[in-house]
Amino acid sequence: MERAQDLNDYNNKLIMKLLKKILGAILSDKNNREEVSPINVEGDEKELAGDLFLESEDSVTITLFESDCTVYDSKVGGLPYMPKNFQYPMDLRSGREDKPLGFLAQINLEQLPPLNGFPKYGILQFFIGTDCLFGLDVENPTTENGFRVIFHEELHKEDHLLKKLPVSLNSECVSPVMKELKMGFTPAESVIAFSDFRFDKALLEAYRVIDPMVTSIDQIPSEILDKMDELCNASGSRIGGFPLFTQSDPRNEEMGTSDYTILLLQLDSDAKKQVMWGDEGVGNFFIRPKDLQARDFEHVLYNWDCY
């Protein structure tokens, strides 16, 4: 019994160290970082408490709550901020050109805690299709036809805004957002999810420091993998940090989307708040660092999936 407990303690320490190595490998510049040092699981108890919830990336968690909202607030649903010269986004997919997109959410960047690379001013808006796929195009997730991300860099006074939608919305399916809810923000740490496209490679590299004979993630003990899966939880709504997928990560080198590494918005299902993507799914919007720096939101990757 005592030997089993010792083995369990060893595995827990090893898992913590692996997680630290994985996060370090992903978030460092691999061309410039120093050679990875061996993992020492003896001692180090003082470090372990901080290893699990490492500050992996700039991240802000989103809390949704009922409150009176203005068109300037960060929120989901309701009436978006719209200057009088605003061209409301339309669905550009074949056969749907006469259908407006539905308003999903907006972020007033002045209300957002500081996030590295993000604008400090303006409003960032997210629109999606009103069909049952919510504008998703699995084959072309970065083509903004069935969705749109719009950045208003300068904000106008209320008397220069539209008071109602300039189009008539006729949703074919229930929207992921059923009512207007205000966003609250909290700076937070984010842990990479098991489904992240970078996870397997980084885990294998980290584990090979311990056992160079391991050449595949399938050779890593199942109890280690199960514990890592349990600890690497990226659920919840957030901006920045690591994303959650219920199926698989749409970003990969084959599709040329592996550089969409910044999470613009993750909106997770919450039945109590009447936010629901299919069957308890999650919606994500990603951008490349160079596009965020250029304030170019015409090249965004949109994905949602569910169980």
Protein backbone atom coordinates (compact mmCIF):
# COMPACT_ATOMS: atom_id res chain seq x y z
CA MET A 1 0.00 0.00 0.00
CA GLU A 2 2.80 2.37 0.97
CA ARG A 3 4.67 1.54 -2.23
CA ALA A 4 1.54 2.31 -4.29
CA GLN A 5 1.20 5.68 -2.55
CA ASP A 6 4.86 6.45 -3.21
CA LEU A 7 4.33 5.63 -6.89
CA ASN A 8 1.25 7.86 -7.02
CA ASP A 9 3.15 10.74 -5.40
CA TYR A 10 5.99 10.25 -7.89
CA ASN A 11 3.56 10.29 -10.82
CA ASN A 12 1.88 13.45 -9.55
CA LYS A 13 5.24 15.21 -9.28
CA LEU A 14 6.18 13.98 -12.72
CA ILE A 15 2.90 15.22 -14.19
CA MET A 16 3.40 18.65 -12.68
CA LYS A 17 6.89 18.83 -14.15
CA LEU A 18 5.68 17.66 -17.53
CA LEU A 19 3.01 20.31 -17.58
CA LYS A 20 5.58 22.97 -16.75
CA LYS A 21 7.85 21.77 -19.53
CA ILE A 22 5.00 21.65 -22.04
CA LEU A 23 3.90 25.19 -21.32
CA GLY A 24 7.45 26.45 -21.41
CA ALA A 25 8.13 24.78 -24.76
CA ILE A 26 4.99 26.14 -26.37
CA LEU A 27 5.28 29.68 -25.12
CA SER A 28 9.01 30.13 -25.75
CA ASP A 29 10.62 31.02 -29.04
CA LYS A 30 11.86 27.58 -30.03
CA ASN A 31 14.57 29.04 -32.23
CA ASN A 32 16.10 30.98 -29.38
CA ARG A 33 15.30 29.06 -26.21
CA GLU A 34 18.02 27.21 -24.37
CA GLU A 35 18.29 23.43 -24.41
CA VAL A 36 15.72 21.81 -22.14
CA SER A 37 17.23 20.72 -18.87
CA PRO A 38 16.44 17.28 -17.40
CA ILE A 39 13.38 17.01 -15.17
CA ASN A 40 14.23 16.37 -11.55
CA VAL A 41 11.30 14.94 -9.62
CA GLU A 42 13.26 14.49 -6.41
CA GLY A 43 12.63 17.27 -3.95
CA ASP A 44 11.12 20.42 -5.48
CA GLU A 45 8.03 20.12 -3.28
CA LYS A 46 8.11 23.88 -2.78
CA GLU A 47 7.72 24.45 -6.52
CA LEU A 48 4.91 22.00 -7.12
CA ALA A 49 2.13 24.16 -5.72
CA GLY A 50 2.74 26.73 -8.42
CA ASP A 51 3.39 24.38 -11.31
CA LEU A 52 -0.17 23.36 -12.09
CA PHE A 53 -1.71 26.76 -12.78
CA LEU A 54 1.19 28.40 -14.51
CA GLU A 55 0.69 31.78 -16.12
CA SER A 56 0.79 30.27 -19.57
CA GLU A 57 -0.43 33.23 -21.60
CA ASP A 58 -2.16 36.54 -21.05
CA SER A 59 -5.73 35.53 -20.35
CA VAL A 60 -8.96 37.05 -19.09
CA THR A 61 -11.93 34.97 -17.98
CA ILE A 62 -15.42 36.16 -18.92
CA THR A 63 -18.36 36.09 -16.54
CA LEU A 64 -21.81 36.65 -18.02
CA PHE A 65 -24.52 38.25 -15.90
CA GLU A 66 -27.85 39.98 -16.29
CA SER A 67 -27.62 43.76 -16.17
CA ASP A 68 -28.80 46.82 -18.04
CA CYS A 69 -26.51 47.16 -21.05
CA THR A 70 -25.73 50.07 -23.31
CA VAL A 71 -24.53 49.74 -26.88
CA TYR A 72 -21.03 50.54 -25.60
CA ASP A 73 -20.84 47.64 -23.14
CA SER A 74 -19.04 44.33 -23.49
CA LYS A 75 -21.83 41.78 -23.89
CA VAL A 76 -23.44 38.91 -25.74
CA GLY A 77 -26.73 39.43 -27.57
CA GLY A 78 -28.86 42.54 -27.59
CA LEU A 79 -28.27 45.61 -29.74
CA PRO A 80 -24.70 46.11 -30.97
CA TYR A 81 -22.81 49.36 -31.26
CA MET A 82 -23.59 50.71 -34.75
CA PRO A 83 -22.53 54.12 -36.15
CA LYS A 84 -25.07 55.65 -38.54
CA ASN A 85 -22.83 54.84 -41.53
CA PHE A 86 -22.46 51.23 -40.36
CA GLN A 87 -22.78 48.63 -43.10
CA TYR A 88 -24.44 45.73 -41.32
CA PRO A 89 -22.60 42.47 -42.16
CA MET A 90 -24.39 40.11 -44.53
CA ASP A 91 -23.88 36.40 -45.13
CA LEU A 92 -21.62 36.06 -48.19
CA ARG A 93 -22.06 32.34 -48.75
CA SER A 94 -23.61 31.23 -52.01
CA GLY A 95 -27.40 31.35 -51.87
CA ARG A 96 -27.44 33.33 -48.63
CA GLU A 97 -26.35 36.76 -49.86
CA ASP A 98 -29.66 38.35 -48.83
CA LYS A 99 -29.43 37.13 -45.23
CA PRO A 100 -27.88 39.27 -42.48
CA LEU A 101 -25.55 37.73 -39.93
CA GLY A 102 -26.64 37.50 -36.31
CA PHE A 103 -24.95 39.56 -33.61
CA LEU A 104 -23.13 37.27 -31.17
CA ALA A 105 -20.97 39.44 -28.92
CA GLN A 106 -18.87 42.56 -28.58
CA ILE A 107 -15.93 43.58 -26.40
CA ASN A 108 -15.35 47.17 -25.35
CA LEU A 109 -11.56 47.09 -25.13
CA GLU A 110 -11.48 49.94 -22.61
CA GLN A 111 -13.36 47.66 -20.21
CA LEU A 112 -10.91 44.82 -20.75
CA PRO A 113 -7.96 44.32 -18.38
CA PRO A 114 -4.65 44.87 -20.21
CA LEU A 115 -3.80 42.00 -22.57
CA ASN A 116 -0.52 41.85 -24.42
CA GLY A 117 -0.98 42.86 -28.07
CA PHE A 118 -4.67 43.74 -27.81
CA PRO A 119 -5.90 47.26 -28.60
CA LYS A 120 -6.65 49.40 -25.56
CA TYR A 121 -9.52 51.28 -27.19
CA GLY A 122 -12.45 50.58 -29.48
CA ILE A 123 -15.08 47.85 -29.77
CA LEU A 124 -14.52 44.41 -31.27
CA GLN A 125 -17.66 42.70 -32.58
CA PHE A 126 -18.48 39.12 -33.58
CA PHE A 127 -21.27 38.18 -36.01
CA ILE A 128 -22.23 34.65 -37.09
CA GLY A 129 -24.62 33.00 -39.56
CA THR A 130 -28.25 32.42 -38.65
CA ASP A 131 -28.30 28.92 -40.15
CA CYS A 132 -28.03 25.74 -38.08
CA LEU A 133 -24.25 25.69 -38.54
CA PHE A 134 -24.01 29.28 -37.24
CA GLY A 135 -21.93 30.24 -40.27
CA LEU A 136 -19.29 27.57 -39.75
CA ASP A 137 -17.24 26.49 -42.78
CA VAL A 138 -15.07 23.56 -41.73
CA GLU A 139 -13.14 23.54 -45.00
CA ASN A 140 -12.45 27.29 -44.97
CA PRO A 141 -12.52 28.40 -41.33
CA THR A 142 -10.64 31.66 -42.02
CA THR A 143 -12.91 32.89 -44.83
CA GLU A 144 -15.23 35.49 -43.34
CA ASN A 145 -18.32 34.64 -45.37
CA GLY A 146 -20.59 33.05 -42.77
CA PHE A 147 -19.16 35.13 -39.95
CA ARG A 148 -17.52 38.49 -39.46
CA VAL A 149 -15.26 40.19 -36.93
CA ILE A 150 -15.50 43.99 -37.00
CA PHE A 151 -13.29 46.48 -35.17
CA HIS A 152 -14.55 49.98 -34.39
CA GLU A 153 -11.40 51.88 -33.50
CA GLU A 154 -13.14 55.19 -32.77
CA LEU A 155 -16.40 55.41 -30.83
CA HIS A 156 -19.11 57.93 -31.65
CA LYS A 157 -21.52 59.63 -29.28
CA GLU A 158 -24.95 58.07 -28.83
CA ASP A 159 -26.76 60.59 -31.04
CA HIS A 160 -24.59 59.42 -33.95
CA LEU A 161 -25.61 55.77 -33.54
CA LEU A 162 -28.36 53.58 -34.96
CA LYS A 163 -31.11 52.88 -32.43
CA LYS A 164 -32.24 49.59 -33.97
CA LEU A 165 -31.00 46.94 -36.38
CA PRO A 166 -31.05 48.17 -39.99
CA VAL A 167 -32.02 44.65 -41.14
CA SER A 168 -34.61 42.04 -40.28
CA LEU A 169 -33.22 38.86 -38.74
CA ASN A 170 -34.93 35.54 -39.45
CA SER A 171 -32.94 32.83 -37.73
CA GLU A 172 -33.36 29.32 -39.07
CA CYS A 173 -32.12 27.79 -35.83
CA VAL A 174 -31.93 28.88 -32.23
CA SER A 175 -29.00 31.28 -31.73
CA PRO A 176 -26.19 30.19 -29.35
CA VAL A 177 -27.07 33.32 -27.33
CA MET A 178 -30.69 33.59 -26.21
CA LYS A 179 -30.61 36.94 -24.40
CA GLU A 180 -28.49 40.00 -23.73
CA LEU A 181 -25.91 39.46 -21.00
CA LYS A 182 -23.17 41.76 -19.80
CA MET A 183 -19.55 40.62 -19.65
CA GLY A 184 -17.38 40.88 -16.58
CA PHE A 185 -13.62 40.32 -16.86
CA THR A 186 -11.07 38.81 -14.48
CA PRO A 187 -7.33 38.43 -15.23
CA ALA A 188 -6.51 34.73 -14.99
CA GLU A 189 -3.99 32.04 -15.72
CA SER A 190 -4.71 29.54 -18.48
CA VAL A 191 -3.65 25.92 -18.82
CA ILE A 192 -3.30 24.22 -22.20
CA ALA A 193 -6.00 21.68 -23.07
CA PHE A 194 -5.32 18.09 -24.10
CA SER A 195 -7.04 18.79 -27.45
CA ASP A 196 -4.71 21.68 -28.38
CA PHE A 197 -2.82 20.86 -31.60
CA ARG A 198 0.49 21.68 -29.86
CA PHE A 199 -0.06 19.40 -26.89
CA ASP A 200 1.00 15.96 -28.16
CA LYS A 201 4.30 17.10 -29.64
CA ALA A 202 5.20 19.14 -26.57
CA LEU A 203 4.24 16.31 -24.21
CA LEU A 204 6.36 13.83 -26.15
CA GLU A 205 9.36 16.19 -26.12
CA ALA A 206 8.95 16.73 -22.39
CA TYR A 207 8.58 13.03 -21.63
CA ARG A 208 11.59 12.07 -23.75
CA VAL A 209 13.76 14.09 -21.36
CA ILE A 210 12.86 11.42 -18.80
CA ASP A 211 12.81 8.41 -21.12
CA PRO A 212 14.56 8.92 -24.50
CA MET A 213 13.37 5.48 -25.62
CA VAL A 214 9.78 6.71 -25.91
CA THR A 215 9.08 7.67 -29.53
CA SER A 216 5.29 8.01 -29.48
CA ILE A 217 2.73 9.53 -27.13
CA ASP A 218 1.04 6.11 -27.15
CA GLN A 219 4.03 4.73 -25.20
CA ILE A 220 3.51 7.13 -22.31
CA PRO A 221 1.81 5.34 -19.37
CA SER A 222 -1.98 5.66 -19.48
CA GLU A 223 -2.17 6.87 -15.88
CA ILE A 224 0.06 9.81 -16.81
CA LEU A 225 -2.08 10.64 -19.85
CA ASP A 226 -5.32 10.34 -17.89
CA LYS A 227 -4.04 12.65 -15.16
CA MET A 228 -2.79 15.18 -17.68
CA ASP A 229 -6.17 15.14 -19.40
CA GLU A 230 -7.86 15.77 -16.06
CA LEU A 231 -5.58 18.66 -15.14
CA CYS A 232 -5.50 20.37 -18.53
CA ASN A 233 -8.91 22.00 -18.42
CA ALA A 234 -9.52 24.97 -20.74
CA SER A 235 -13.29 25.20 -20.29
CA GLY A 236 -15.08 28.49 -19.69
CA SER A 237 -15.40 31.73 -21.62
CA ARG A 238 -12.23 33.77 -22.04
CA ILE A 239 -10.09 36.10 -24.09
CA GLY A 240 -6.47 35.10 -24.58
CA GLY A 241 -4.89 31.98 -23.13
CA PHE A 242 -5.56 28.46 -24.38
CA PRO A 243 -8.77 27.25 -26.08
CA LEU A 244 -11.13 24.35 -25.50
CA PHE A 245 -12.37 21.96 -28.18
CA THR A 246 -14.96 19.23 -27.67
CA GLN A 247 -13.84 17.45 -30.85
CA SER A 248 -10.49 18.46 -32.34
CA ASP A 249 -8.37 21.53 -32.92
CA PRO A 250 -9.08 22.97 -36.42
CA ARG A 251 -5.65 24.59 -36.49
CA ASN A 252 -2.91 22.53 -38.14
CA GLU A 253 0.07 22.83 -40.43
CA GLU A 254 -1.62 20.95 -43.28
CA MET A 255 -4.31 23.65 -43.62
CA GLY A 256 -1.82 26.45 -43.00
CA THR A 257 -3.64 27.55 -39.85
CA SER A 258 -1.09 26.66 -37.18
CA ASP A 259 -0.14 30.32 -36.74
CA TYR A 260 -3.63 31.32 -35.51
CA THR A 261 -2.42 31.17 -31.94
CA ILE A 262 -4.17 34.11 -30.26
CA LEU A 263 -7.62 33.48 -28.82
CA LEU A 264 -9.75 36.55 -29.58
CA LEU A 265 -12.82 35.09 -27.92
CA GLN A 266 -13.96 31.80 -26.47
CA LEU A 267 -17.64 31.57 -25.62
CA ASP A 268 -18.47 28.37 -23.77
CA SER A 269 -21.94 26.89 -23.32
CA ASP A 270 -23.72 27.73 -20.08
CA ALA A 271 -27.27 26.39 -19.81
CA LYS A 272 -28.07 28.60 -16.82
CA LYS A 273 -27.16 31.69 -18.84
CA GLN A 274 -28.95 30.36 -21.95
CA VAL A 275 -25.74 30.19 -23.96
CA MET A 276 -25.60 26.96 -25.92
CA TRP A 277 -23.61 25.79 -28.96
CA GLY A 278 -25.41 22.67 -30.17
CA ASP A 279 -24.98 19.96 -27.53
CA GLU A 280 -22.93 21.69 -24.81
CA GLY A 281 -20.36 23.00 -27.31
CA VAL A 282 -17.97 25.91 -27.44
CA GLY A 283 -17.24 28.67 -29.98
CA ASN A 284 -13.77 30.11 -30.68
CA PHE A 285 -12.27 32.95 -32.70
CA PHE A 286 -8.51 33.04 -33.37
CA ILE A 287 -6.13 35.52 -34.96
CA ARG A 288 -2.48 35.50 -36.02
CA PRO A 289 -0.12 37.68 -33.95
CA LYS A 290 0.89 39.72 -37.02
CA ASP A 291 -2.76 40.48 -37.85
CA LEU A 292 -3.57 41.49 -34.29
CA GLN A 293 -0.59 43.83 -34.30
CA ALA A 294 -1.79 45.34 -37.59
CA ARG A 295 -5.38 45.59 -36.24
CA ASP A 296 -6.41 43.49 -39.23
CA PHE A 297 -9.52 41.51 -38.24
CA GLU A 298 -10.36 40.36 -41.76
CA HIS A 299 -8.25 37.25 -41.26
CA VAL A 300 -9.77 35.42 -38.31
CA LEU A 301 -10.32 31.69 -37.78
CA TYR A 302 -13.79 30.77 -36.50
CA ASN A 303 -14.75 27.40 -35.13
CA TRP A 304 -17.37 25.82 -32.95
CA ASP A 305 -17.97 22.20 -32.04
CA CYS A 306 -20.04 20.21 -29.58
CA TYR A 307 -20.32 16.76 -28.01
